C-alpha atoms as a PDB file:
ATOM      1  CA  UNK A   1      11.933   0.012 -98.668  1.00  0.00           C
ATOM      2  CA  UNK A   2      11.370  -2.929 -96.861  1.00  0.00           C
ATOM      3  CA  UNK A   3       9.089  -5.323 -97.916  1.00  0.00           C
ATOM      4  CA  UNK A   4       6.578  -6.812 -95.342  1.00  0.00           C
ATOM      5  CA  UNK A   5       5.958 -10.220 -96.036  1.00  0.00           C
ATOM      6  CA  UNK A   6       2.289 -11.598 -95.976  1.00  0.00           C
ATOM      7  CA  UNK A   7       1.436 -13.387 -92.966  1.00  0.00           C
ATOM      8  CA  UNK A   8      -1.057 -16.003 -92.904  1.00  0.00           C
ATOM      9  CA  UNK A   9      -3.834 -16.190 -90.509  1.00  0.00           C
ATOM     10  CA  UNK A  10      -2.386 -18.522 -88.274  1.00  0.00           C
ATOM     11  CA  UNK A  11       0.951 -16.247 -88.043  1.00  0.00           C
ATOM     12  CA  UNK A  12      -1.599 -13.486 -87.057  1.00  0.00           C
ATOM     13  CA  UNK A  13      -3.169 -15.452 -84.399  1.00  0.00           C
ATOM     14  CA  UNK A  14       0.300 -16.480 -83.363  1.00  0.00           C
ATOM     15  CA  UNK A  15       1.196 -12.762 -83.168  1.00  0.00           C
ATOM     16  CA  UNK A  16      -1.564 -11.578 -81.245  1.00  0.00           C
ATOM     17  CA  UNK A  17      -1.147 -14.266 -78.858  1.00  0.00           C
ATOM     18  CA  UNK A  18       2.266 -13.531 -78.345  1.00  0.00           C
ATOM     19  CA  UNK A  19       1.762  -9.716 -77.933  1.00  0.00           C
ATOM     20  CA  UNK A  20      -1.121 -10.438 -75.613  1.00  0.00           C
ATOM     21  CA  UNK A  21       0.836 -13.012 -73.494  1.00  0.00           C
ATOM     22  CA  UNK A  22       3.798 -10.376 -73.432  1.00  0.00           C
ATOM     23  CA  UNK A  23       1.511  -7.472 -72.424  1.00  0.00           C
ATOM     24  CA  UNK A  24      -0.050  -9.608 -69.897  1.00  0.00           C
ATOM     25  CA  UNK A  25       3.282 -10.719 -68.351  1.00  0.00           C
ATOM     26  CA  UNK A  26       4.372  -7.113 -68.291  1.00  0.00           C
ATOM     27  CA  UNK A  27       1.125  -5.886 -66.149  1.00  0.00           C
ATOM     28  CA  UNK A  28       1.661  -8.986 -64.214  1.00  0.00           C
ATOM     29  CA  UNK A  29       5.221  -8.128 -63.175  1.00  0.00           C
ATOM     30  CA  UNK A  30       5.199  -4.550 -62.999  1.00  0.00           C
ATOM     31  CA  UNK A  31       1.847  -4.000 -61.842  1.00  0.00           C
ATOM     32  CA  UNK A  32       0.349  -6.647 -60.358  1.00  0.00           C
ATOM     33  CA  UNK A  33       3.007  -8.284 -58.699  1.00  0.00           C
ATOM     34  CA  UNK A  34       4.335  -5.134 -56.484  1.00  0.00           C
ATOM     35  CA  UNK A  35       1.035  -4.325 -55.635  1.00  0.00           C
ATOM     36  CA  UNK A  36       0.118  -7.707 -54.244  1.00  0.00           C
ATOM     37  CA  UNK A  37       3.329  -7.678 -52.073  1.00  0.00           C
ATOM     38  CA  UNK A  38       2.425  -4.231 -50.728  1.00  0.00           C
ATOM     39  CA  UNK A  39      -1.302  -5.745 -50.006  1.00  0.00           C
ATOM     40  CA  UNK A  40       0.364  -8.284 -48.303  1.00  0.00           C
ATOM     41  CA  UNK A  41       2.399  -6.267 -46.110  1.00  0.00           C
ATOM     42  CA  UNK A  42      -0.488  -3.820 -45.318  1.00  0.00           C
ATOM     43  CA  UNK A  43      -2.309  -7.059 -44.168  1.00  0.00           C
ATOM     44  CA  UNK A  44       0.613  -8.029 -41.835  1.00  0.00           C
ATOM     45  CA  UNK A  45       0.833  -4.383 -40.709  1.00  0.00           C
ATOM     46  CA  UNK A  46      -2.961  -4.207 -40.257  1.00  0.00           C
ATOM     47  CA  UNK A  47      -2.868  -7.555 -38.263  1.00  0.00           C
ATOM     48  CA  UNK A  48      -0.042  -6.589 -35.980  1.00  0.00           C
ATOM     49  CA  UNK A  49      -2.112  -3.110 -35.125  1.00  0.00           C
ATOM     50  CA  UNK A  50      -5.290  -5.221 -34.613  1.00  0.00           C
ATOM     51  CA  UNK A  51      -2.790  -7.356 -31.818  1.00  0.00           C
ATOM     52  CA  UNK A  52      -1.573  -4.177 -30.442  1.00  0.00           C
ATOM     53  CA  UNK A  53      -4.773  -2.501 -30.003  1.00  0.00           C
ATOM     54  CA  UNK A  54      -6.389  -5.792 -28.096  1.00  0.00           C
ATOM     55  CA  UNK A  55      -3.303  -5.545 -26.014  1.00  0.00           C
ATOM     56  CA  UNK A  56      -3.902  -1.934 -25.280  1.00  0.00           C
ATOM     57  CA  UNK A  57      -7.701  -2.596 -24.589  1.00  0.00           C
ATOM     58  CA  UNK A  58      -6.834  -5.290 -22.391  1.00  0.00           C
ATOM     59  CA  UNK A  59      -4.347  -3.178 -20.610  1.00  0.00           C
ATOM     60  CA  UNK A  60      -6.914  -0.207 -20.417  1.00  0.00           C
ATOM     61  CA  UNK A  61      -9.375  -2.752 -18.682  1.00  0.00           C
ATOM     62  CA  UNK A  62      -6.747  -4.140 -16.116  1.00  0.00           C
ATOM     63  CA  UNK A  63      -5.765  -0.359 -15.681  1.00  0.00           C
ATOM     64  CA  UNK A  64      -9.630   0.524 -14.756  1.00  0.00           C
ATOM     65  CA  UNK A  65      -9.943  -2.605 -12.984  1.00  0.00           C
ATOM     66  CA  UNK A  66      -6.795  -1.976 -11.165  1.00  0.00           C
ATOM     67  CA  UNK A  67      -7.772   1.964 -10.552  1.00  0.00           C
ATOM     68  CA  UNK A  68     -11.134   1.065  -9.030  1.00  0.00           C
ATOM     69  CA  UNK A  69      -9.433  -1.701  -6.784  1.00  0.00           C
ATOM     70  CA  UNK A  70      -6.976   1.009  -5.488  1.00  0.00           C
ATOM     71  CA  UNK A  71     -10.195   3.411  -5.047  1.00  0.00           C
ATOM     72  CA  UNK A  72     -11.719   0.386  -3.209  1.00  0.00           C
ATOM     73  CA  UNK A  73      -8.945  -0.077  -0.789  1.00  0.00           C
ATOM     74  CA  UNK A  74      -7.979   3.532  -0.216  1.00  0.00           C
ATOM     75  CA  UNK A  75     -11.685   3.467   1.018  1.00  0.00           C
ATOM     76  CA  UNK A  76     -11.169   0.598   3.084  1.00  0.00           C
ATOM     77  CA  UNK A  77      -8.088   1.886   4.323  1.00  0.00           C
ATOM     78  CA  UNK A  78      -9.619   5.177   5.334  1.00  0.00           C
ATOM     79  CA  UNK A  79     -12.059   3.203   7.155  1.00  0.00           C
ATOM     80  CA  UNK A  80      -9.456   1.058   8.933  1.00  0.00           C
ATOM     81  CA  UNK A  81      -7.525   4.222   9.924  1.00  0.00           C
ATOM     82  CA  UNK A  82     -10.898   5.760  11.483  1.00  0.00           C
ATOM     83  CA  UNK A  83     -11.411   2.740  13.501  1.00  0.00           C
ATOM     84  CA  UNK A  84      -7.658   2.792  14.389  1.00  0.00           C
ATOM     85  CA  UNK A  85      -8.049   6.735  15.524  1.00  0.00           C
ATOM     86  CA  UNK A  86     -11.149   5.689  17.585  1.00  0.00           C
ATOM     87  CA  UNK A  87      -9.283   3.122  19.565  1.00  0.00           C
ATOM     88  CA  UNK A  88      -8.572   4.204  23.298  1.00  0.00           C
ATOM     89  CA  UNK A  89      -5.669   3.169  24.769  1.00  0.00           C
ATOM     90  CA  UNK A  90      -7.014   4.290  28.281  1.00  0.00           C
ATOM     91  CA  UNK A  91      -8.606   1.142  29.285  1.00  0.00           C
ATOM     92  CA  UNK A  92      -5.021  -0.565  28.811  1.00  0.00           C
ATOM     93  CA  UNK A  93      -3.615   2.146  30.832  1.00  0.00           C
ATOM     94  CA  UNK A  94      -5.909   1.440  33.682  1.00  0.00           C
ATOM     95  CA  UNK A  95      -5.584  -2.220  33.661  1.00  0.00           C
ATOM     96  CA  UNK A  96      -2.006  -1.736  33.630  1.00  0.00           C
ATOM     97  CA  UNK A  97      -2.278   0.179  36.802  1.00  0.00           C
ATOM     98  CA  UNK A  98      -4.718  -1.534  38.420  1.00  0.00           C
ATOM     99  CA  UNK A  99      -2.833  -4.777  37.833  1.00  0.00           C
ATOM    100  CA  UNK A 100       0.447  -3.183  39.124  1.00  0.00           C
ATOM    101  CA  UNK A 101      -1.159  -1.815  42.430  1.00  0.00           C
ATOM    102  CA  UNK A 102      -2.533  -5.376  43.012  1.00  0.00           C
ATOM    103  CA  UNK A 103       0.737  -7.157  42.376  1.00  0.00           C
ATOM    104  CA  UNK A 104       2.494  -4.678  45.044  1.00  0.00           C
ATOM    105  CA  UNK A 105      -0.281  -4.503  47.520  1.00  0.00           C
ATOM    106  CA  UNK A 106      -1.108  -0.886  46.681  1.00  0.00           C
ATOM    107  CA  UNK A 107      -4.795   0.344  46.428  1.00  0.00           C
ATOM    108  CA  UNK A 108      -5.371   2.740  43.633  1.00  0.00           C
ATOM    109  CA  UNK A 109      -7.543   5.490  45.003  1.00  0.00           C
ATOM    110  CA  UNK A 110      -7.956   7.973  42.477  1.00  0.00           C
ATOM    111  CA  UNK A 111      -6.888   7.766  38.603  1.00  0.00           C
ATOM    112  CA  UNK A 112      -7.717  10.269  35.797  1.00  0.00           C
ATOM    113  CA  UNK A 113      -6.710  10.092  31.900  1.00  0.00           C
ATOM    114  CA  UNK A 114      -7.012  13.258  30.391  1.00  0.00           C
ATOM    115  CA  UNK A 115      -5.358  13.772  26.827  1.00  0.00           C
ATOM    116  CA  UNK A 116      -2.726  11.414  27.260  1.00  0.00           C
ATOM    117  CA  UNK A 117      -1.894  12.339  30.840  1.00  0.00           C
ATOM    118  CA  UNK A 118      -2.657  10.299  34.062  1.00  0.00           C
ATOM    119  CA  UNK A 119      -3.043  11.442  37.227  1.00  0.00           C
ATOM    120  CA  UNK A 120      -3.120   8.890  39.807  1.00  0.00           C
ATOM    121  CA  UNK A 121      -3.186   8.384  43.912  1.00  0.00           C
ATOM    122  CA  UNK A 122      -1.965   5.423  45.153  1.00  0.00           C
ATOM    123  CA  UNK A 123      -2.060   4.178  49.027  1.00  0.00           C
ATOM    124  CA  UNK A 124       0.949   1.592  49.901  1.00  0.00           C
ATOM    125  CA  UNK A 125       1.291  -0.066  53.174  1.00  0.00           C
ATOM    126  CA  UNK A 126       5.175   0.465  53.290  1.00  0.00           C
ATOM    127  CA  UNK A 127       7.632   2.528  51.353  1.00  0.00           C
ATOM    128  CA  UNK A 128       9.242  -0.487  49.455  1.00  0.00           C
ATOM    129  CA  UNK A 129       5.836  -0.975  47.823  1.00  0.00           C
ATOM    130  CA  UNK A 130       5.725   2.909  46.722  1.00  0.00           C
ATOM    131  CA  UNK A 131       9.070   2.434  45.439  1.00  0.00           C
ATOM    132  CA  UNK A 132       8.555  -0.497  43.398  1.00  0.00           C
ATOM    133  CA  UNK A 133       5.474   1.096  42.222  1.00  0.00           C
ATOM    134  CA  UNK A 134       7.456   3.875  40.968  1.00  0.00           C
ATOM    135  CA  UNK A 135      10.352   1.516  39.728  1.00  0.00           C
ATOM    136  CA  UNK A 136       7.744  -0.226  37.666  1.00  0.00           C
ATOM    137  CA  UNK A 137       6.127   2.628  35.927  1.00  0.00           C
ATOM    138  CA  UNK A 138       9.777   3.933  34.893  1.00  0.00           C
ATOM    139  CA  UNK A 139      10.434   0.715  33.500  1.00  0.00           C
ATOM    140  CA  UNK A 140       6.967   0.758  31.305  1.00  0.00           C
ATOM    141  CA  UNK A 141       7.859   1.544  27.738  1.00  0.00           C
ATOM    142  CA  UNK A 142       4.366   3.605  27.515  1.00  0.00           C
ATOM    143  CA  UNK A 143       4.074   5.401  30.568  1.00  0.00           C
ATOM    144  CA  UNK A 144       6.568   8.021  31.727  1.00  0.00           C
ATOM    145  CA  UNK A 145       6.388   9.756  35.095  1.00  0.00           C
ATOM    146  CA  UNK A 146       6.383  13.377  35.253  1.00  0.00           C
ATOM    147  CA  UNK A 147       6.067  14.205  38.681  1.00  0.00           C
ATOM    148  CA  UNK A 148       5.653  12.223  41.990  1.00  0.00           C
ATOM    149  CA  UNK A 149       4.637  13.364  45.372  1.00  0.00           C
ATOM    150  CA  UNK A 150       5.128  10.828  48.126  1.00  0.00           C
ATOM    151  CA  UNK A 151       3.698  11.620  51.403  1.00  0.00           C
ATOM    152  CA  UNK A 152       3.874   9.553  55.069  1.00  0.00           C
ATOM    153  CA  UNK A 153       0.316   8.830  56.846  1.00  0.00           C
ATOM    154  CA  UNK A 154       0.065   6.903  60.186  1.00  0.00           C
ATOM    155  CA  UNK A 155       0.439   3.256  58.763  1.00  0.00           C
ATOM    156  CA  UNK A 156       0.910   4.008  54.915  1.00  0.00           C
ATOM    157  CA  UNK A 157       2.271   5.898  52.173  1.00  0.00           C
ATOM    158  CA  UNK A 158       0.549   8.029  49.698  1.00  0.00           C
ATOM    159  CA  UNK A 159       1.796   8.536  46.383  1.00  0.00           C
ATOM    160  CA  UNK A 160       0.498  11.077  44.028  1.00  0.00           C
ATOM    161  CA  UNK A 161       1.815  10.402  40.511  1.00  0.00           C
ATOM    162  CA  UNK A 162       1.428  12.560  37.258  1.00  0.00           C
ATOM    163  CA  UNK A 163       2.682  10.637  34.326  1.00  0.00           C
ATOM    164  CA  UNK A 164       2.450  10.878  30.266  1.00  0.00           C
ATOM    165  CA  UNK A 165       1.204   8.117  28.219  1.00  0.00           C
ATOM    166  CA  UNK A 166       3.571   8.003  25.245  1.00  0.00           C
ATOM    167  CA  UNK A 167       2.700   4.724  23.347  1.00  0.00           C
ATOM    168  CA  UNK A 168       6.483   3.594  23.038  1.00  0.00           C
ATOM    169  CA  UNK A 169       7.998   6.869  22.113  1.00  0.00           C
ATOM    170  CA  UNK A 170       9.710   7.875  25.398  1.00  0.00           C
ATOM    171  CA  UNK A 171      11.907  10.683  25.198  1.00  0.00           C
ATOM    172  CA  UNK A 172      15.499  10.225  24.157  1.00  0.00           C
ATOM    173  CA  UNK A 173      16.610  11.592  27.957  1.00  0.00           C
ATOM    174  CA  UNK A 174      14.733   8.635  29.183  1.00  0.00           C
ATOM    175  CA  UNK A 175      16.193   5.715  27.344  1.00  0.00           C
ATOM    176  CA  UNK A 176      15.072   3.641  24.398  1.00  0.00           C
ATOM    177  CA  UNK A 177      12.051   3.531  22.622  1.00  0.00           C
ATOM    178  CA  UNK A 178       9.729   0.888  22.082  1.00  0.00           C
ATOM    179  CA  UNK A 179       7.258  -0.368  19.479  1.00  0.00           C
ATOM    180  CA  UNK A 180       3.715   0.730  19.993  1.00  0.00           C
ATOM    181  CA  UNK A 181       2.445  -3.113  20.109  1.00  0.00           C
ATOM    182  CA  UNK A 182       4.306  -3.432  23.136  1.00  0.00           C
ATOM    183  CA  UNK A 183       1.505  -3.976  26.213  1.00  0.00           C
ATOM    184  CA  UNK A 184       2.069  -0.876  28.994  1.00  0.00           C
ATOM    185  CA  UNK A 185       3.694  -3.274  31.593  1.00  0.00           C
ATOM    186  CA  UNK A 186       6.546  -5.803  30.687  1.00  0.00           C
END
């Protein structure tokens, strides 16, 4: 049998301190330190998650603002489209025909516009004025003559013309198309 030596009080205190210190070191390295590192990692993940949440909330606010702006722009576009649809190009056609008649010394006797169709009666002093009037109408990018009737009176020529307003979209057989922004005459 082994004989255990008797320890003095001082040695017992040192032994308990050594056991306490060893147990404390064990708890620190095996329990506390890994939990501390895990806690720090979770804290960093939490901070990154909060930043991502803030970015997503900002994106949602901007997305809502963008959606509201898009709805406002769509409403404004609808209002502008309604205004554009309400614009009548009849006055432009009338001004063009009257101006053309004045330039060629022709008198416009009657002018009717119905659903993009023009019915027109012009009195000219000579045949050359009637011919020039018709040629200018044919050269217009926005008016296509459909039918013409020329009659000779005692001292003048009478032209009855039916034409279609095309707004720059001439039929392919008639030649090239012009943009809608070009005025009625050249």
